[in-house]
Amino acid sequence: MVDLKILHVAQGKAFADVAVTNGQIVNVHTRQIYPGGVAIVGERIAVQGEIDYTIGPETTVIDAEGQFIVPGFLEGHIHPESSCMSMTRFAEVALCHGTTSVFTDLHEIGIVAGQPGIDAALKEANEAGIKFYWVVPSHIPFFPGLETSGAIFDSSHIGPQLARADAVGLSEVVSFYVNAEHGDLFKSIGAAHANGRALVGHGPETHGKAWNAFVSVGITNDHEAITAEDVLLRTRNGVYAHLRHNLICETLPALIKPIVEGKIDSRYICLATDDTSAIALAQKGHMDYLARLALSLGVDFVTALQMVTINVACSFRMEHEVGSLSPSRYADINIISGGADFQVLKTISRGKLMAANGRLVTPAVDPVHAPVMLHTFHLKKRPEPMDLVLAAKPGATSARVHYMTTLPWIPLTKGGETTLPVKEGCIACAPERDIIHIAVVERHLKTGNIGRGFMGGFGLREGAIASSVAHDNHNIVVIGTTPEDCALAVNRVVDLEGGIVMVNGGRVVHELPLPLFGLLADMDAWTLAKHRQLMLDTAKAWGCTVLEPFMFLSFVTLVGFPEYAVTDHGYVDCMRQVKMEPVLEFV
């Protein structure tokens, strides 16, 4: 239906509601920069360029003061739950950095509370002034039979959801499942095609015939490139490459090389965080930070902006709504300073001035949360210390075990073998050799499941860390040097109904309550960043060597990442998608 008011403003028969004037328009379609402004009617853009004739006595005028007028920034692949902030608080900091829309599956919330939880989160987010474009999860649990989740999504659920007006794609289509010809996933892919939705790929370390098969089902975009060659593989096949960069996966310098070196056109390149933290959002920024980083790596100004605006919109076929300053698009607009260190000065979202100089114009107010967001812990029983470690065979003095270790710069796991002593009926860890206990306690369905194993790579010499943020099942994961500290940390997470807890010597040293789904808190990014930094400093004092141990910890339960994981079902070989025994033999 034609909006006659927009038409009449464009014709000069009526006046705009809001006008952004006296700026330099960055046109992401033509790559031009020219003087002008933007006229807004309600939530939409009516005119861009010469807009003086649209300004009337009742028009609200926002003077850009000669600065650049650019589209609102878009995040094409993010799990905002990893920030540990409620939707309202995530929207607050994202808007302050110029992000006006995100494309997300809210898969982590779905794991805990199913579709009712996702719907409640979407409602809260969109009321906070930022647009959440929903990408329907492709399946929950991500790996049935290898983990326990609080809800189940299969094609019988996903098909109707893809028909919803607010659904824009099918998320995290896993290359392994495509190549295994997973029947239920193929039904969901068919529903996505039938509804004209994008297919978001999840293709880590997928090459050759496996890649060809993966992309042949119609993958639209993918965020799993980890090398420059991976970027070429995607773009040469017409797949938008969402280049991931965050504090635990700082890969943009390597991934951006094909663009900087002029090997490929940049139109199929987008920037994405995938997962980000309150520290990153408060101290560095969001999509504005990634654009600045791209500029520092040699990308030109307009290209960097295209990577966080129009390219992202096109990667979901949503360029008719967002991504540019074109008439009829949503009035999502940033006024930014120039140069490689540009700053977001003002942010307009859906026609309303939302943020100026790094803070909301109207302070965020925490909403009354839907009941489905709360009280999500259901354990069969509280674990005791010996429940969290591997029992020893009677009479054994040592055991040869398989353990997993994380890489220091990205939470990918490798495997190793070692011999550990038997003490007090269990296999003891060896912190002096960087091998500690790890366990995962099921918290959704009262199964009583506990997975156990050994973890390396964290460098932890003392204490224990437990968290209810654990992809892709969000059970309670704990690493530690003693069974007692591990048990205390896990049970304190239960008492808090979600959170991150640090214990040492039988004493709770730090805790961060996350009562919403066991994942989120009503805490602004700047306050949460200070709290989390204190916890990071403590972990470092305990010997921890990884950059962000809490986020790393949340990924060692992820069966979709190579090579090993621990879930409530036990120790998992991710490459073969099978459970395996961590104890090789007793001596």
Protein backbone atom coordinates (compact mmCIF):
# COMPACT_ATOMS: atom_id res chain seq x y z
CA MET A 1 0.00 0.00 0.00
CA VAL A 2 1.30 3.45 -0.91
CA ASP A 3 1.87 5.77 2.05
CA LEU A 4 0.28 8.95 0.75
CA LYS A 5 1.95 11.17 3.34
CA ILE A 6 5.40 10.03 2.20
CA LEU A 7 4.31 10.61 -1.38
CA HIS A 8 2.97 14.07 -0.61
CA VAL A 9 6.14 15.11 1.22
CA ALA A 10 8.19 13.92 -1.75
CA GLN A 11 5.89 15.92 -4.07
CA GLY A 12 6.17 19.03 -1.92
CA LYS A 13 2.49 18.94 -0.97
CA ALA A 14 3.21 18.27 2.73
CA PHE A 15 6.03 18.75 5.19
CA ALA A 16 8.32 16.20 6.78
CA ASP A 17 8.04 15.22 10.43
CA VAL A 18 11.83 15.30 10.88
CA ALA A 19 14.60 16.67 8.68
CA VAL A 20 18.30 15.96 9.01
CA THR A 21 20.01 18.93 7.38
CA ASN A 22 23.39 20.43 6.55
CA GLY A 23 25.32 17.20 6.16
CA GLN A 24 27.43 15.21 3.76
CA ILE A 25 25.39 12.25 2.52
CA VAL A 26 27.27 8.99 2.07
CA ASN A 27 25.42 7.14 -0.67
CA VAL A 28 26.20 3.44 -0.26
CA HIS A 29 24.57 2.63 -3.61
CA THR A 30 26.68 4.91 -5.81
CA ARG A 31 29.69 5.32 -3.49
CA GLN A 32 29.27 9.10 -3.72
CA ILE A 33 29.51 11.71 -0.99
CA TYR A 34 27.60 14.96 -1.54
CA PRO A 35 25.93 17.77 0.43
CA GLY A 36 22.34 17.29 1.49
CA GLY A 37 19.94 15.95 4.05
CA VAL A 38 17.20 13.43 4.73
CA ALA A 39 13.47 14.08 5.17
CA ILE A 40 11.54 11.69 7.39
CA VAL A 41 7.85 10.84 7.64
CA GLY A 42 6.96 8.67 10.60
CA GLU A 43 9.35 5.71 10.55
CA ARG A 44 10.35 6.08 6.89
CA ILE A 45 12.56 8.19 4.65
CA ALA A 46 10.67 10.36 2.17
CA VAL A 47 13.49 12.26 0.44
CA GLN A 48 17.28 12.33 0.46
CA GLY A 49 19.52 14.99 -1.06
CA GLU A 50 17.94 18.41 -1.55
CA ILE A 51 15.24 18.56 1.13
CA ASP A 52 14.70 22.26 1.88
CA TYR A 53 11.23 22.17 0.33
CA THR A 54 10.13 19.45 2.79
CA ILE A 55 10.76 21.56 5.91
CA GLY A 56 7.75 23.28 7.42
CA PRO A 57 7.01 25.16 10.63
CA GLU A 58 6.26 21.92 12.53
CA THR A 59 9.21 19.94 11.18
CA THR A 60 11.80 18.89 13.76
CA VAL A 61 15.20 19.85 12.34
CA ILE A 62 18.37 17.98 13.29
CA ASP A 63 21.45 19.88 12.12
CA ALA A 64 24.26 17.55 11.03
CA GLU A 65 26.67 20.52 11.24
CA GLY A 66 28.57 19.46 8.14
CA GLN A 67 29.21 15.91 9.36
CA PHE A 68 28.54 12.71 7.44
CA ILE A 69 24.99 11.35 7.20
CA VAL A 70 25.08 7.57 6.81
CA PRO A 71 22.64 4.68 7.12
CA GLY A 72 22.11 3.07 10.52
CA PHE A 73 24.56 0.22 11.06
CA LEU A 74 23.46 -3.40 10.67
CA GLU A 75 24.81 -6.50 12.42
CA GLY A 76 24.25 -9.52 10.18
CA HIS A 77 25.22 -12.30 12.56
CA ILE A 78 25.08 -11.99 16.31
CA HIS A 79 23.96 -13.88 19.37
CA PRO A 80 23.23 -10.89 21.61
CA GLU A 81 22.77 -13.25 24.53
CA SER A 82 26.55 -13.62 24.71
CA SER A 83 26.75 -10.04 25.94
CA CYS A 84 24.95 -11.25 29.09
CA MET A 85 22.67 -8.21 28.92
CA SER A 86 18.90 -8.11 28.71
CA MET A 87 17.48 -7.15 25.35
CA THR A 88 16.75 -3.66 26.67
CA ARG A 89 20.31 -3.16 27.89
CA PHE A 90 21.82 -4.60 24.70
CA ALA A 91 19.68 -2.23 22.63
CA GLU A 92 20.86 0.68 24.78
CA VAL A 93 24.56 0.24 24.10
CA ALA A 94 24.08 -0.86 20.47
CA LEU A 95 22.11 2.30 19.67
CA CYS A 96 24.79 4.42 21.32
CA HIS A 97 27.22 2.98 18.77
CA GLY A 98 24.93 3.50 15.79
CA THR A 99 23.52 -0.01 15.39
CA THR A 100 19.86 0.23 14.47
CA SER A 101 19.12 -3.34 13.35
CA VAL A 102 20.50 -6.79 14.02
CA PHE A 103 19.83 -10.13 12.35
CA THR A 104 19.70 -12.81 15.01
CA ASP A 105 18.14 -16.18 15.73
CA LEU A 106 18.00 -15.78 19.53
CA HIS A 107 18.94 -19.44 19.42
CA GLU A 108 20.45 -19.32 22.91
CA ILE A 109 17.16 -18.15 24.41
CA GLY A 110 15.30 -20.77 22.39
CA ILE A 111 17.53 -23.47 23.86
CA VAL A 112 16.36 -22.53 27.34
CA ALA A 113 12.74 -21.44 26.88
CA GLY A 114 11.65 -22.38 23.36
CA GLN A 115 9.46 -20.25 21.14
CA PRO A 116 7.69 -18.49 24.04
CA GLY A 117 11.09 -17.27 25.27
CA ILE A 118 12.12 -16.07 21.81
CA ASP A 119 8.83 -14.24 21.31
CA ALA A 120 9.16 -12.50 24.69
CA ALA A 121 12.72 -11.43 23.90
CA LEU A 122 11.78 -10.13 20.43
CA LYS A 123 8.95 -8.10 21.91
CA GLU A 124 11.20 -6.56 24.55
CA ALA A 125 13.99 -5.81 22.06
CA ASN A 126 11.78 -4.09 19.52
CA GLU A 127 10.18 -1.97 22.23
CA ALA A 128 13.69 -0.77 23.17
CA GLY A 129 14.18 1.04 19.85
CA ILE A 130 16.33 -1.41 17.90
CA LYS A 131 14.98 -3.69 15.17
CA PHE A 132 15.61 -7.41 15.62
CA TYR A 133 15.20 -9.25 12.34
CA TRP A 134 14.50 -12.83 13.34
CA VAL A 135 16.40 -15.67 11.68
CA VAL A 136 14.64 -18.90 12.65
CA PRO A 137 16.88 -21.47 14.39
CA SER A 138 17.45 -24.49 12.16
CA HIS A 139 17.18 -26.95 15.01
CA ILE A 140 17.28 -27.22 18.79
CA PRO A 141 19.09 -28.98 20.27
CA PHE A 142 21.85 -28.31 17.82
CA PHE A 143 23.09 -31.89 18.13
CA PRO A 144 20.31 -34.22 19.32
CA GLY A 145 21.60 -37.21 21.25
CA LEU A 146 24.78 -35.41 22.26
CA GLU A 147 23.31 -32.68 24.51
CA THR A 148 20.15 -31.79 26.43
CA SER A 149 18.29 -28.53 25.93
CA GLY A 150 15.17 -27.00 27.41
CA ALA A 151 13.23 -27.06 24.14
CA ILE A 152 13.04 -28.88 20.81
CA PHE A 153 12.78 -27.24 17.39
CA ASP A 154 12.33 -29.48 14.36
CA SER A 155 10.84 -29.00 10.92
CA SER A 156 7.28 -29.34 12.24
CA HIS A 157 7.89 -26.18 14.28
CA ILE A 158 10.31 -24.40 11.97
CA GLY A 159 8.13 -24.53 8.84
CA PRO A 160 5.29 -22.42 10.31
CA GLN A 161 7.78 -20.02 11.91
CA LEU A 162 9.43 -19.34 8.55
CA ALA A 163 6.03 -18.16 7.28
CA ARG A 164 5.87 -15.43 9.95
CA ALA A 165 6.15 -11.86 8.70
CA ASP A 166 9.06 -11.14 11.04
CA ALA A 167 11.13 -14.14 9.92
CA VAL A 168 13.87 -13.38 7.38
CA GLY A 169 15.89 -16.58 7.20
CA LEU A 170 16.85 -20.02 8.47
CA SER A 171 19.84 -19.81 10.78
CA GLU A 172 22.99 -21.87 11.23
CA VAL A 173 22.48 -24.47 8.52
CA VAL A 174 25.34 -26.79 9.43
CA SER A 175 27.56 -28.08 6.62
CA PHE A 176 28.06 -31.41 8.39
CA TYR A 177 24.29 -32.03 8.46
CA VAL A 178 23.88 -30.99 4.83
CA ASN A 179 26.54 -33.45 3.75
CA ALA A 180 24.97 -36.14 5.95
CA GLU A 181 21.68 -35.44 4.11
CA HIS A 182 19.84 -34.79 7.36
CA GLY A 183 16.20 -35.34 6.41
CA ASP A 184 14.56 -33.04 8.94
CA LEU A 185 16.97 -30.21 8.14
CA PHE A 186 16.19 -30.63 4.46
CA LYS A 187 12.48 -30.16 5.24
CA SER A 188 13.32 -26.87 6.97
CA ILE A 189 15.50 -25.78 4.05
CA GLY A 190 12.58 -26.51 1.73
CA ALA A 191 10.31 -24.36 3.90
CA ALA A 192 12.86 -21.53 3.78
CA HIS A 193 12.96 -21.65 -0.01
CA ALA A 194 9.16 -21.81 -0.22
CA ASN A 195 8.88 -18.65 1.89
CA GLY A 196 11.72 -16.81 0.14
CA ARG A 197 13.92 -16.74 3.24
CA ALA A 198 17.71 -16.54 3.34
CA LEU A 199 19.78 -19.58 4.33
CA VAL A 200 22.43 -18.68 6.90
CA GLY A 201 25.30 -21.12 6.62
CA HIS A 202 27.46 -22.59 9.37
CA GLY A 203 30.35 -24.13 7.45
CA PRO A 204 33.55 -24.20 9.54
CA GLU A 205 36.52 -25.94 7.90
CA THR A 206 34.35 -27.03 4.97
CA HIS A 207 36.20 -27.34 1.66
CA GLY A 208 36.27 -29.23 -1.63
CA LYS A 209 33.36 -31.53 -2.35
CA ALA A 210 31.91 -30.92 1.11
CA TRP A 211 31.78 -27.17 0.42
CA ASN A 212 30.27 -27.66 -3.02
CA ALA A 213 27.55 -29.86 -1.56
CA PHE A 214 26.94 -27.38 1.25
CA VAL A 215 26.50 -24.33 -0.95
CA SER A 216 24.43 -26.28 -3.49
CA VAL A 217 21.38 -26.25 -1.18
CA GLY A 218 21.20 -22.45 -1.56
CA ILE A 219 23.32 -20.99 1.23
CA THR A 220 22.93 -17.20 1.17
CA ASN A 221 25.54 -16.08 3.67
CA ASP A 222 28.06 -17.65 6.04
CA HIS A 223 30.11 -16.38 8.99
CA GLU A 224 32.61 -19.22 9.44
CA ALA A 225 35.56 -18.05 7.33
CA ILE A 226 38.78 -18.19 9.33
CA THR A 227 41.29 -17.63 6.51
CA ALA A 228 41.54 -15.37 3.47
CA GLU A 229 41.09 -18.47 1.30
CA ASP A 230 37.78 -19.15 3.06
CA VAL A 231 36.63 -15.64 2.14
CA LEU A 232 37.45 -16.26 -1.52
CA LEU A 233 35.64 -19.60 -1.41
CA ARG A 234 32.45 -17.94 -0.22
CA THR A 235 32.42 -14.89 -2.45
CA ARG A 236 33.35 -16.83 -5.58
CA ASN A 237 30.27 -18.95 -4.98
CA GLY A 238 27.92 -15.99 -4.49
CA VAL A 239 27.77 -16.46 -0.72
CA TYR A 240 27.95 -13.29 1.37
CA ALA A 241 30.93 -13.61 3.70
CA HIS A 242 30.19 -12.22 7.16
CA LEU A 243 33.70 -11.59 8.45
CA ARG A 244 33.69 -12.37 12.16
CA HIS A 245 35.73 -10.35 14.60
CA ASN A 246 35.37 -10.13 18.35
CA LEU A 247 37.57 -10.13 21.43
CA ILE A 248 38.07 -13.90 21.37
CA CYS A 249 38.23 -14.30 17.61
CA GLU A 250 40.28 -11.41 16.26
CA THR A 251 40.40 -12.59 12.67
CA LEU A 252 39.56 -9.50 10.61
CA PRO A 253 43.19 -8.58 9.82
CA ALA A 254 43.60 -11.92 8.02
CA LEU A 255 40.12 -12.07 6.50
CA ILE A 256 40.15 -8.57 5.01
CA LYS A 257 43.24 -9.16 2.87
CA PRO A 258 41.41 -10.17 -0.34
CA ILE A 259 39.60 -6.82 -0.30
CA VAL A 260 42.55 -4.65 0.67
CA GLU A 261 44.77 -6.36 -1.89
CA GLY A 262 42.13 -5.80 -4.56
CA LYS A 263 41.54 -9.45 -5.36
CA ILE A 264 37.77 -9.33 -5.09
CA ASP A 265 34.85 -6.94 -5.24
CA SER A 266 33.68 -5.95 -1.77
CA ARG A 267 29.94 -6.13 -2.42
CA TYR A 268 29.71 -9.64 -0.91
CA ILE A 269 31.63 -8.69 2.25
CA CYS A 270 29.94 -7.88 5.56
CA LEU A 271 31.33 -7.40 9.05
CA ALA A 272 29.91 -9.27 12.04
CA THR A 273 30.72 -9.94 15.67
CA ASP A 274 28.84 -13.26 16.10
CA ASP A 275 29.43 -13.00 19.85
CA THR A 276 30.40 -9.89 21.76
CA SER A 277 30.80 -8.91 25.39
CA ALA A 278 29.88 -5.96 27.57
CA ILE A 279 33.56 -5.04 27.73
CA ALA A 280 33.83 -4.86 23.95
CA LEU A 281 30.59 -2.91 23.63
CA ALA A 282 31.43 -0.44 26.39
CA GLN A 283 35.10 0.11 25.59
CA LYS A 284 35.43 -0.43 21.83
CA GLY A 285 31.99 -0.29 20.29
CA HIS A 286 29.89 -2.47 18.03
CA MET A 287 29.63 -2.18 14.25
CA ASP A 288 31.24 1.26 14.43
CA TYR A 289 34.29 -0.43 15.96
CA LEU A 290 34.44 -3.03 13.18
CA ALA A 291 34.15 -0.33 10.52
CA ARG A 292 36.95 1.66 12.16
CA LEU A 293 39.07 -1.48 12.34
CA ALA A 294 38.48 -2.13 8.63
CA LEU A 295 39.56 1.45 7.89
CA SER A 296 42.74 0.97 9.90
CA LEU A 297 43.48 -2.16 7.86
CA GLY A 298 43.35 -0.27 4.56
CA VAL A 299 39.69 -0.40 3.53
CA ASP A 300 38.42 2.92 2.15
CA PHE A 301 35.77 4.95 3.98
CA VAL A 302 32.72 4.20 1.83
CA THR A 303 33.56 0.51 1.45
CA ALA A 304 33.86 0.11 5.21
CA LEU A 305 30.44 1.70 5.63
CA GLN A 306 28.94 -0.54 2.94
CA MET A 307 30.16 -3.57 4.90
CA VAL A 308 28.00 -2.57 7.87
CA THR A 309 24.99 -1.27 5.94
CA ILE A 310 23.84 -2.12 2.43
CA ASN A 311 25.90 -5.30 2.05
CA VAL A 312 24.39 -6.72 5.23
CA ALA A 313 20.87 -5.86 4.09
CA CYS A 314 21.48 -7.52 0.71
CA SER A 315 22.81 -10.65 2.39
CA PHE A 316 19.29 -11.17 3.77
CA ARG A 317 17.42 -9.68 0.76
CA MET A 318 16.21 -6.87 3.02
CA GLU A 319 17.67 -3.90 1.12
CA HIS A 320 14.12 -2.69 0.45
CA GLU A 321 13.80 -1.94 4.19
CA VAL A 322 17.22 -1.09 5.60
CA GLY A 323 20.84 -0.45 4.67
CA SER A 324 20.65 2.84 2.78
CA LEU A 325 19.25 6.39 2.90
CA SER A 326 16.84 5.71 0.06
CA PRO A 327 13.20 6.83 0.07
CA SER A 328 10.70 4.35 1.58
CA ARG A 329 13.42 2.68 3.68
CA TYR A 330 13.24 2.87 7.44
CA ALA A 331 14.59 6.15 8.78
CA ASP A 332 17.64 4.57 10.43
CA ILE A 333 20.34 7.22 10.23
CA ASN A 334 23.68 7.98 11.84
CA ILE A 335 25.49 11.29 11.90
CA ILE A 336 29.19 10.51 12.19
CA SER A 337 32.46 12.41 12.18
CA GLY A 338 34.99 11.75 9.45
CA GLY A 339 38.29 9.94 9.28
CA ALA A 340 39.54 6.52 10.25
CA ASP A 341 38.69 7.19 13.89
CA PHE A 342 35.16 8.41 13.18
CA GLN A 343 32.66 8.58 16.03
CA VAL A 344 28.90 8.18 16.03
CA LEU A 345 27.52 11.56 17.04
CA LYS A 346 23.76 10.94 16.74
CA THR A 347 21.61 7.93 15.98
CA ILE A 348 18.09 8.01 14.60
CA SER A 349 16.16 4.73 14.65
CA ARG A 350 12.80 4.41 12.91
CA GLY A 351 12.57 8.18 12.67
CA LYS A 352 13.30 8.94 16.33
CA LEU A 353 16.48 10.46 17.73
CA MET A 354 17.63 7.72 20.09
CA ALA A 355 21.24 8.51 21.01
CA ALA A 356 23.65 11.43 21.02
CA ASN A 357 27.33 11.55 21.96
CA GLY A 358 27.45 7.99 23.20
CA ARG A 359 24.34 7.91 25.41
CA LEU A 360 20.61 7.45 24.93
CA VAL A 361 18.59 10.64 24.65
CA THR A 362 16.04 9.08 27.01
CA PRO A 363 17.65 6.70 29.55
CA ALA A 364 16.66 3.06 29.27
CA VAL A 365 14.18 1.73 31.79
CA ASP A 366 14.25 -1.97 32.57
CA PRO A 367 10.93 -3.51 31.56
CA VAL A 368 8.79 -5.92 33.53
CA HIS A 369 10.03 -9.21 32.15
CA ALA A 370 7.69 -11.92 30.92
CA PRO A 371 7.46 -14.86 33.36
CA VAL A 372 8.95 -17.22 30.75
CA MET A 373 12.29 -15.40 31.14
CA LEU A 374 12.65 -16.30 34.82
CA HIS A 375 13.09 -19.42 37.00
CA THR A 376 14.58 -21.64 34.31
CA PHE A 377 16.62 -24.04 36.50
CA HIS A 378 15.30 -27.57 37.02
CA LEU A 379 17.89 -29.97 38.44
CA LYS A 380 17.30 -33.53 39.57
CA LYS A 381 19.60 -32.87 42.51
CA ARG A 382 22.36 -30.53 43.58
CA PRO A 383 25.73 -32.07 42.64
CA GLU A 384 28.27 -33.08 45.26
CA PRO A 385 32.04 -32.84 44.69
CA MET A 386 32.52 -36.46 43.60
CA ASP A 387 29.66 -36.13 41.09
CA LEU A 388 31.76 -33.72 39.04
CA VAL A 389 34.94 -35.77 38.57
CA LEU A 390 35.81 -39.08 36.98
CA ALA A 391 35.74 -42.00 39.38
CA ALA A 392 38.72 -44.36 39.50
CA LYS A 393 38.71 -48.11 39.11
CA PRO A 394 39.24 -49.82 42.48
CA GLY A 395 42.92 -50.55 43.06
CA ALA A 396 44.15 -48.23 40.29
CA THR A 397 46.97 -45.78 41.05
CA SER A 398 46.88 -43.83 37.80
CA ALA A 399 44.93 -43.46 34.61
CA ARG A 400 45.77 -42.67 31.02
CA VAL A 401 43.20 -40.18 29.78
CA HIS A 402 42.27 -38.19 26.73
CA TYR A 403 41.83 -34.49 27.39
CA MET A 404 40.88 -31.50 25.30
CA THR A 405 42.73 -28.20 25.18
CA THR A 406 41.63 -24.86 23.79
CA LEU A 407 43.70 -22.82 21.40
CA PRO A 408 44.84 -19.57 23.05
CA TRP A 409 43.41 -17.20 20.43
CA ILE A 410 40.14 -18.88 19.44
CA PRO A 411 37.99 -21.41 21.34
CA LEU A 412 38.71 -24.30 19.01
CA THR A 413 39.71 -27.45 20.86
CA LYS A 414 42.36 -30.02 20.15
CA GLY A 415 42.98 -33.34 21.85
CA GLY A 416 45.82 -34.90 23.78
CA GLU A 417 46.67 -37.83 25.99
CA THR A 418 48.33 -37.88 29.40
CA THR A 419 48.64 -39.94 32.57
CA LEU A 420 47.06 -38.62 35.78
CA PRO A 421 47.24 -39.93 39.35
CA VAL A 422 44.34 -41.50 41.24
CA LYS A 423 43.58 -39.85 44.57
CA GLU A 424 40.74 -40.49 47.01
CA GLY A 425 38.79 -42.60 44.56
CA CYS A 426 38.89 -40.26 41.60
CA ILE A 427 41.25 -39.30 38.81
CA ALA A 428 43.03 -36.15 39.96
CA CYS A 429 43.81 -33.23 37.71
CA ALA A 430 47.24 -31.68 37.23
CA PRO A 431 47.07 -27.87 37.31
CA GLU A 432 50.85 -27.67 37.17
CA ARG A 433 50.60 -29.25 33.70
CA ASP A 434 47.58 -27.11 32.72
CA ILE A 435 45.12 -30.01 32.99
CA ILE A 436 42.07 -29.40 35.18
CA HIS A 437 38.62 -30.86 35.77
CA ILE A 438 35.69 -29.96 33.54
CA ALA A 439 32.06 -30.98 34.02
CA VAL A 440 28.66 -30.10 32.59
CA VAL A 441 25.52 -30.41 34.74
CA GLU A 442 22.12 -30.68 33.03
CA ARG A 443 19.67 -28.02 34.27
CA HIS A 444 16.59 -28.14 32.02
CA LEU A 445 14.77 -31.47 32.31
CA LYS A 446 15.88 -33.00 35.63
CA THR A 447 17.72 -35.81 33.84
CA GLY A 448 20.55 -35.87 36.37
CA ASN A 449 23.05 -36.02 33.50
CA ILE A 450 26.62 -34.92 34.25
CA GLY A 451 29.39 -35.02 31.66
CA ARG A 452 32.98 -35.14 32.90
CA GLY A 453 36.45 -34.81 31.45
CA PHE A 454 39.71 -32.93 31.56
CA MET A 455 40.50 -29.50 30.13
CA GLY A 456 43.74 -27.82 29.12
CA GLY A 457 44.68 -24.45 27.68
CA PHE A 458 43.17 -22.21 30.36
CA GLY A 459 46.28 -22.18 32.54
CA LEU A 460 44.18 -22.14 35.72
CA ARG A 461 46.34 -23.10 38.71
CA GLU A 462 43.76 -22.64 41.46
CA GLY A 463 40.06 -22.18 42.05
CA ALA A 464 37.01 -22.98 39.91
CA ILE A 465 34.78 -21.11 37.46
CA ALA A 466 31.18 -22.14 36.75
CA SER A 467 28.74 -20.62 34.27
CA SER A 468 25.23 -21.19 32.97
CA VAL A 469 26.25 -19.65 29.62
CA ALA A 470 27.32 -22.74 27.70
CA HIS A 471 26.70 -23.09 23.96
CA ASP A 472 24.69 -24.78 22.53
CA ASN A 473 22.78 -26.25 25.45
CA HIS A 474 23.21 -23.76 28.29
CA ASN A 475 23.60 -26.30 30.99
CA ILE A 476 26.04 -25.48 33.81
CA VAL A 477 29.69 -25.82 32.84
CA VAL A 478 32.50 -25.74 35.40
CA ILE A 479 36.28 -25.95 35.27
CA GLY A 480 38.39 -26.18 38.37
CA THR A 481 41.31 -27.57 40.27
CA THR A 482 39.41 -29.33 43.09
CA PRO A 483 36.08 -31.19 43.22
CA GLU A 484 35.02 -29.15 46.24
CA ASP A 485 35.48 -25.77 44.59
CA CYS A 486 33.77 -27.05 41.44
CA ALA A 487 30.72 -28.20 43.41
CA LEU A 488 30.46 -24.94 45.35
CA ALA A 489 30.64 -22.92 42.13
CA VAL A 490 27.96 -25.02 40.38
CA ASN A 491 25.57 -24.89 43.32
CA ARG A 492 25.98 -21.15 43.66
CA VAL A 493 24.99 -20.77 39.99
CA VAL A 494 21.87 -22.79 40.82
CA ASP A 495 21.11 -20.56 43.83
CA LEU A 496 21.40 -17.47 41.62
CA GLU A 497 19.18 -19.11 38.96
CA GLY A 498 21.91 -18.36 36.48
CA GLY A 499 25.25 -16.65 36.42
CA ILE A 500 29.02 -16.85 36.43
CA VAL A 501 30.66 -17.79 39.73
CA MET A 502 34.32 -17.89 40.78
CA VAL A 503 35.33 -19.96 43.82
CA ASN A 504 38.69 -20.49 45.49
CA GLY A 505 39.53 -22.39 48.65
CA GLY A 506 35.90 -23.06 49.51
CA ARG A 507 34.88 -19.40 49.21
CA VAL A 508 32.86 -17.56 46.58
CA VAL A 509 35.20 -14.83 45.35
CA HIS A 510 33.07 -13.26 42.59
CA GLU A 511 29.64 -13.82 41.16
CA LEU A 512 27.64 -12.29 38.31
CA PRO A 513 23.92 -13.11 38.57
CA LEU A 514 22.19 -13.80 35.22
CA PRO A 515 18.57 -14.46 36.20
CA LEU A 516 16.97 -13.98 32.76
CA PHE A 517 17.00 -17.43 31.12
CA GLY A 518 20.17 -18.07 33.16
CA LEU A 519 21.91 -15.99 30.47
CA LEU A 520 21.17 -12.28 30.94
CA ALA A 521 21.16 -9.49 33.50
CA ASP A 522 19.47 -6.10 33.73
CA MET A 523 22.78 -4.27 33.90
CA ASP A 524 24.01 -1.62 31.51
CA ALA A 525 27.10 -2.35 29.45
CA TRP A 526 29.36 0.09 31.25
CA THR A 527 28.53 -1.27 34.72
CA LEU A 528 28.69 -4.88 33.56
CA ALA A 529 32.03 -4.25 31.86
CA LYS A 530 33.57 -3.08 35.13
CA HIS A 531 32.22 -6.10 36.98
CA ARG A 532 33.42 -8.50 34.31
CA GLN A 533 36.86 -6.87 34.11
CA LEU A 534 37.31 -7.44 37.84
CA MET A 535 36.52 -11.12 37.32
CA LEU A 536 38.94 -11.31 34.39
CA ASP A 537 41.68 -9.80 36.52
CA THR A 538 41.03 -12.40 39.21
CA ALA A 539 41.16 -15.24 36.69
CA LYS A 540 44.48 -13.93 35.43
CA ALA A 541 45.79 -13.86 39.00
CA TRP A 542 44.81 -17.51 39.28
CA GLY A 543 47.01 -18.28 36.28
CA CYS A 544 44.45 -18.09 33.49
CA THR A 545 46.16 -17.38 30.17
CA VAL A 546 43.27 -17.10 27.68
CA LEU A 547 42.05 -13.62 26.86
CA GLU A 548 38.39 -14.07 27.84
CA PRO A 549 38.01 -17.25 29.95
CA PHE A 550 34.27 -16.86 30.52
CA MET A 551 33.51 -16.66 26.80
CA PHE A 552 36.02 -19.41 26.03
CA LEU A 553 34.34 -21.56 28.68
CA SER A 554 30.97 -21.03 27.01
CA PHE A 555 32.34 -22.58 23.80
CA VAL A 556 33.97 -25.76 25.12
CA THR A 557 30.48 -27.27 25.38
CA LEU A 558 29.79 -26.53 21.71
CA VAL A 559 29.58 -29.76 19.73
CA GLY A 560 29.58 -27.85 16.44
CA PHE A 561 33.18 -26.64 16.87
CA PRO A 562 36.16 -28.90 16.26
CA GLU A 563 37.55 -31.03 17.71
CA TYR A 564 36.24 -32.00 21.18
CA ALA A 565 33.59 -30.88 23.65
CA VAL A 566 31.98 -31.87 26.94
CA THR A 567 28.19 -31.82 27.32
CA ASP A 568 25.85 -33.27 29.91
CA HIS A 569 25.97 -36.47 27.81
CA GLY A 570 29.74 -36.77 28.26
CA TYR A 571 32.92 -36.33 26.27
CA VAL A 572 32.28 -35.75 22.55
CA ASP A 573 34.37 -36.16 19.41
CA CYS A 574 32.96 -33.24 17.41
CA MET A 575 34.42 -34.28 14.07
CA ARG A 576 32.81 -37.73 14.21
CA GLN A 577 29.76 -36.56 16.17
CA VAL A 578 30.04 -39.41 18.67
CA LYS A 579 30.49 -39.73 22.41
CA MET A 580 33.85 -41.09 23.51
CA GLU A 581 35.38 -42.35 26.73
CA PRO A 582 37.91 -39.91 28.23
CA VAL A 583 39.56 -42.67 30.28
CA LEU A 584 41.73 -44.81 28.04
CA GLU A 585 43.01 -47.21 30.70
CA PHE A 586 43.68 -47.57 34.42
CA VAL A 587 47.05 -48.66 35.78
